[in-house]
Amino acid sequence: MAGEGNELPVPMPFMFTCDGCWQLLVLLARKVAADAGCFAEQINVARHIATEHPDEVPEPHGDDCPLCPKYAKLPEPADRWAEHRARDLFLPEGVARLL
């Protein structure tokens, strides 16, 4: 994720008041700072948000997201689709919408 425009954004306020969020964000930030693979850390943060903070998960993306329509067609898309949308809360858009 190194490179211009791919810096981690400032997390949403609710993430600062949740021990689970900030611990997972610290692990993610360390991997990003080390320019190491951070796929598992991204999944862990997204899964935590979708599970523990479902009211904070953003609404489905608009027509500019090629993945939302695919998630909407899955038989039980709620968990994975929520994780996909939650990535917008802690990753740059270009990275968030890769999964």
C-alpha atoms as a PDB file:
ATOM      1  CA  MET A   1       0.000   0.000   0.000  1.00  0.00           C
ATOM      2  CA  ALA A   2       2.969   2.269  -0.114  1.00  0.00           C
ATOM      3  CA  GLY A   3       2.858   5.137  -2.506  1.00  0.00           C
ATOM      4  CA  GLU A   4       1.255   8.493  -2.965  1.00  0.00           C
ATOM      5  CA  GLY A   5      -2.492   8.492  -2.337  1.00  0.00           C
ATOM      6  CA  ASN A   6      -2.464   5.175  -0.508  1.00  0.00           C
ATOM      7  CA  GLU A   7      -1.837   6.442   3.012  1.00  0.00           C
ATOM      8  CA  LEU A   8      -4.272   5.221   5.637  1.00  0.00           C
ATOM      9  CA  PRO A   9      -6.979   7.819   6.281  1.00  0.00           C
ATOM     10  CA  VAL A  10      -7.826   9.066   9.748  1.00  0.00           C
ATOM     11  CA  PRO A  11     -10.215   6.470  11.223  1.00  0.00           C
ATOM     12  CA  MET A  12     -13.803   7.343  12.031  1.00  0.00           C
ATOM     13  CA  PRO A  13     -14.422   8.673  15.577  1.00  0.00           C
ATOM     14  CA  PHE A  14     -16.174   5.511  16.796  1.00  0.00           C
ATOM     15  CA  MET A  15     -13.015   3.533  16.048  1.00  0.00           C
ATOM     16  CA  PHE A  16     -11.053   5.531  18.629  1.00  0.00           C
ATOM     17  CA  THR A  17     -13.454   4.551  21.418  1.00  0.00           C
ATOM     18  CA  CYS A  18     -13.439   0.810  20.685  1.00  0.00           C
ATOM     19  CA  ASP A  19     -10.522  -1.219  22.055  1.00  0.00           C
ATOM     20  CA  GLY A  20     -10.934  -3.846  19.332  1.00  0.00           C
ATOM     21  CA  CYS A  21     -10.886  -1.276  16.537  1.00  0.00           C
ATOM     22  CA  TRP A  22      -7.828   0.588  17.675  1.00  0.00           C
ATOM     23  CA  GLN A  23      -5.861  -2.593  18.421  1.00  0.00           C
ATOM     24  CA  LEU A  24      -6.622  -3.939  14.941  1.00  0.00           C
ATOM     25  CA  LEU A  25      -5.824  -0.552  13.379  1.00  0.00           C
ATOM     26  CA  VAL A  26      -2.448  -0.466  15.149  1.00  0.00           C
ATOM     27  CA  LEU A  27      -1.606  -3.898  13.719  1.00  0.00           C
ATOM     28  CA  LEU A  28      -2.663  -2.724  10.249  1.00  0.00           C
ATOM     29  CA  ALA A  29      -0.689   0.527  10.527  1.00  0.00           C
ATOM     30  CA  ARG A  30       2.453  -1.360  11.586  1.00  0.00           C
ATOM     31  CA  LYS A  31       2.238  -3.621   8.527  1.00  0.00           C
ATOM     32  CA  VAL A  32       1.637  -0.643   6.238  1.00  0.00           C
ATOM     33  CA  ALA A  33       4.566   1.261   7.786  1.00  0.00           C
ATOM     34  CA  ALA A  34       6.805  -1.762   7.269  1.00  0.00           C
ATOM     35  CA  ASP A  35       5.584  -2.006   3.653  1.00  0.00           C
ATOM     36  CA  ALA A  36       4.626  -5.604   4.428  1.00  0.00           C
ATOM     37  CA  GLY A  37       1.604  -7.531   3.247  1.00  0.00           C
ATOM     38  CA  CYS A  38      -1.442  -6.472   5.228  1.00  0.00           C
ATOM     39  CA  PHE A  39      -4.274  -8.494   3.690  1.00  0.00           C
ATOM     40  CA  ALA A  40      -5.140 -10.381   6.898  1.00  0.00           C
ATOM     41  CA  GLU A  41      -5.085  -7.172   8.925  1.00  0.00           C
ATOM     42  CA  GLN A  42      -7.469  -5.480   6.472  1.00  0.00           C
ATOM     43  CA  ILE A  43      -9.870  -8.418   6.680  1.00  0.00           C
ATOM     44  CA  ASN A  44      -9.700  -8.448  10.480  1.00  0.00           C
ATOM     45  CA  VAL A  45     -10.568  -4.752  10.778  1.00  0.00           C
ATOM     46  CA  ALA A  46     -13.396  -5.010   8.229  1.00  0.00           C
ATOM     47  CA  ARG A  47     -14.825  -8.138   9.884  1.00  0.00           C
ATOM     48  CA  HIS A  48     -14.666  -6.510  13.325  1.00  0.00           C
ATOM     49  CA  ILE A  49     -16.527  -3.413  12.093  1.00  0.00           C
ATOM     50  CA  ALA A  50     -19.178  -5.470  10.274  1.00  0.00           C
ATOM     51  CA  THR A  51     -19.734  -7.665  13.330  1.00  0.00           C
ATOM     52  CA  GLU A  52     -19.317  -5.265  16.247  1.00  0.00           C
ATOM     53  CA  HIS A  53     -20.414  -1.971  14.648  1.00  0.00           C
ATOM     54  CA  PRO A  54     -23.031  -2.862  11.999  1.00  0.00           C
ATOM     55  CA  ASP A  55     -24.714   0.557  12.315  1.00  0.00           C
ATOM     56  CA  GLU A  56     -21.450   2.226  11.257  1.00  0.00           C
ATOM     57  CA  VAL A  57     -21.086   0.247   8.013  1.00  0.00           C
ATOM     58  CA  PRO A  58     -21.648   2.580   5.042  1.00  0.00           C
ATOM     59  CA  GLU A  59     -24.545   2.101   2.665  1.00  0.00           C
ATOM     60  CA  PRO A  60     -23.897   0.199  -0.599  1.00  0.00           C
ATOM     61  CA  HIS A  61     -21.695   2.039  -3.042  1.00  0.00           C
ATOM     62  CA  GLY A  62     -23.114   3.668  -6.120  1.00  0.00           C
ATOM     63  CA  ASP A  63     -22.682   2.672  -9.740  1.00  0.00           C
ATOM     64  CA  ASP A  64     -18.966   3.436  -9.529  1.00  0.00           C
ATOM     65  CA  CYS A  65     -18.291   0.222  -7.557  1.00  0.00           C
ATOM     66  CA  PRO A  66     -17.967  -2.916  -9.679  1.00  0.00           C
ATOM     67  CA  LEU A  67     -18.157  -5.212  -6.632  1.00  0.00           C
ATOM     68  CA  CYS A  68     -21.364  -4.114  -4.869  1.00  0.00           C
ATOM     69  CA  PRO A  69     -23.699  -5.566  -7.540  1.00  0.00           C
ATOM     70  CA  LYS A  70     -21.833  -8.881  -7.290  1.00  0.00           C
ATOM     71  CA  TYR A  71     -22.192  -8.960  -3.503  1.00  0.00           C
ATOM     72  CA  ALA A  72     -25.883  -8.064  -3.798  1.00  0.00           C
ATOM     73  CA  LYS A  73     -26.484 -11.177  -5.940  1.00  0.00           C
ATOM     74  CA  LEU A  74     -24.948 -13.618  -3.446  1.00  0.00           C
ATOM     75  CA  PRO A  75     -27.464 -15.811  -1.593  1.00  0.00           C
ATOM     76  CA  GLU A  76     -26.340 -14.496   1.812  1.00  0.00           C
ATOM     77  CA  PRO A  77     -24.226 -11.424   1.062  1.00  0.00           C
ATOM     78  CA  ALA A  78     -24.704  -9.557   4.333  1.00  0.00           C
ATOM     79  CA  ASP A  79     -21.430 -10.383   6.085  1.00  0.00           C
ATOM     80  CA  ARG A  80     -19.008 -10.167   3.168  1.00  0.00           C
ATOM     81  CA  TRP A  81     -20.796  -7.222   1.604  1.00  0.00           C
ATOM     82  CA  ALA A  82     -20.718  -5.348   4.923  1.00  0.00           C
ATOM     83  CA  GLU A  83     -16.999  -6.100   5.218  1.00  0.00           C
ATOM     84  CA  HIS A  84     -16.474  -4.759   1.688  1.00  0.00           C
ATOM     85  CA  ARG A  85     -18.264  -1.505   2.553  1.00  0.00           C
ATOM     86  CA  ALA A  86     -16.573  -1.199   5.967  1.00  0.00           C
ATOM     87  CA  ARG A  87     -13.177  -1.047   4.245  1.00  0.00           C
ATOM     88  CA  ASP A  88     -14.060   2.529   3.183  1.00  0.00           C
ATOM     89  CA  LEU A  89     -13.810   3.536   6.847  1.00  0.00           C
ATOM     90  CA  PHE A  90     -10.096   2.779   7.209  1.00  0.00           C
ATOM     91  CA  LEU A  91      -8.541   2.361   3.758  1.00  0.00           C
ATOM     92  CA  PRO A  92      -8.044   4.657   0.762  1.00  0.00           C
ATOM     93  CA  GLU A  93     -10.892   4.182  -1.730  1.00  0.00           C
ATOM     94  CA  GLY A  94      -8.666   2.648  -4.389  1.00  0.00           C
ATOM     95  CA  VAL A  95      -7.528  -0.039  -1.953  1.00  0.00           C
ATOM     96  CA  ALA A  96     -10.850  -0.451  -0.167  1.00  0.00           C
ATOM     97  CA  ARG A  97     -12.712  -1.459  -3.299  1.00  0.00           C
ATOM     98  CA  LEU A  98     -10.277  -4.152  -4.384  1.00  0.00           C
ATOM     99  CA  LEU A  99     -12.074  -6.768  -2.275  1.00  0.00           C
END
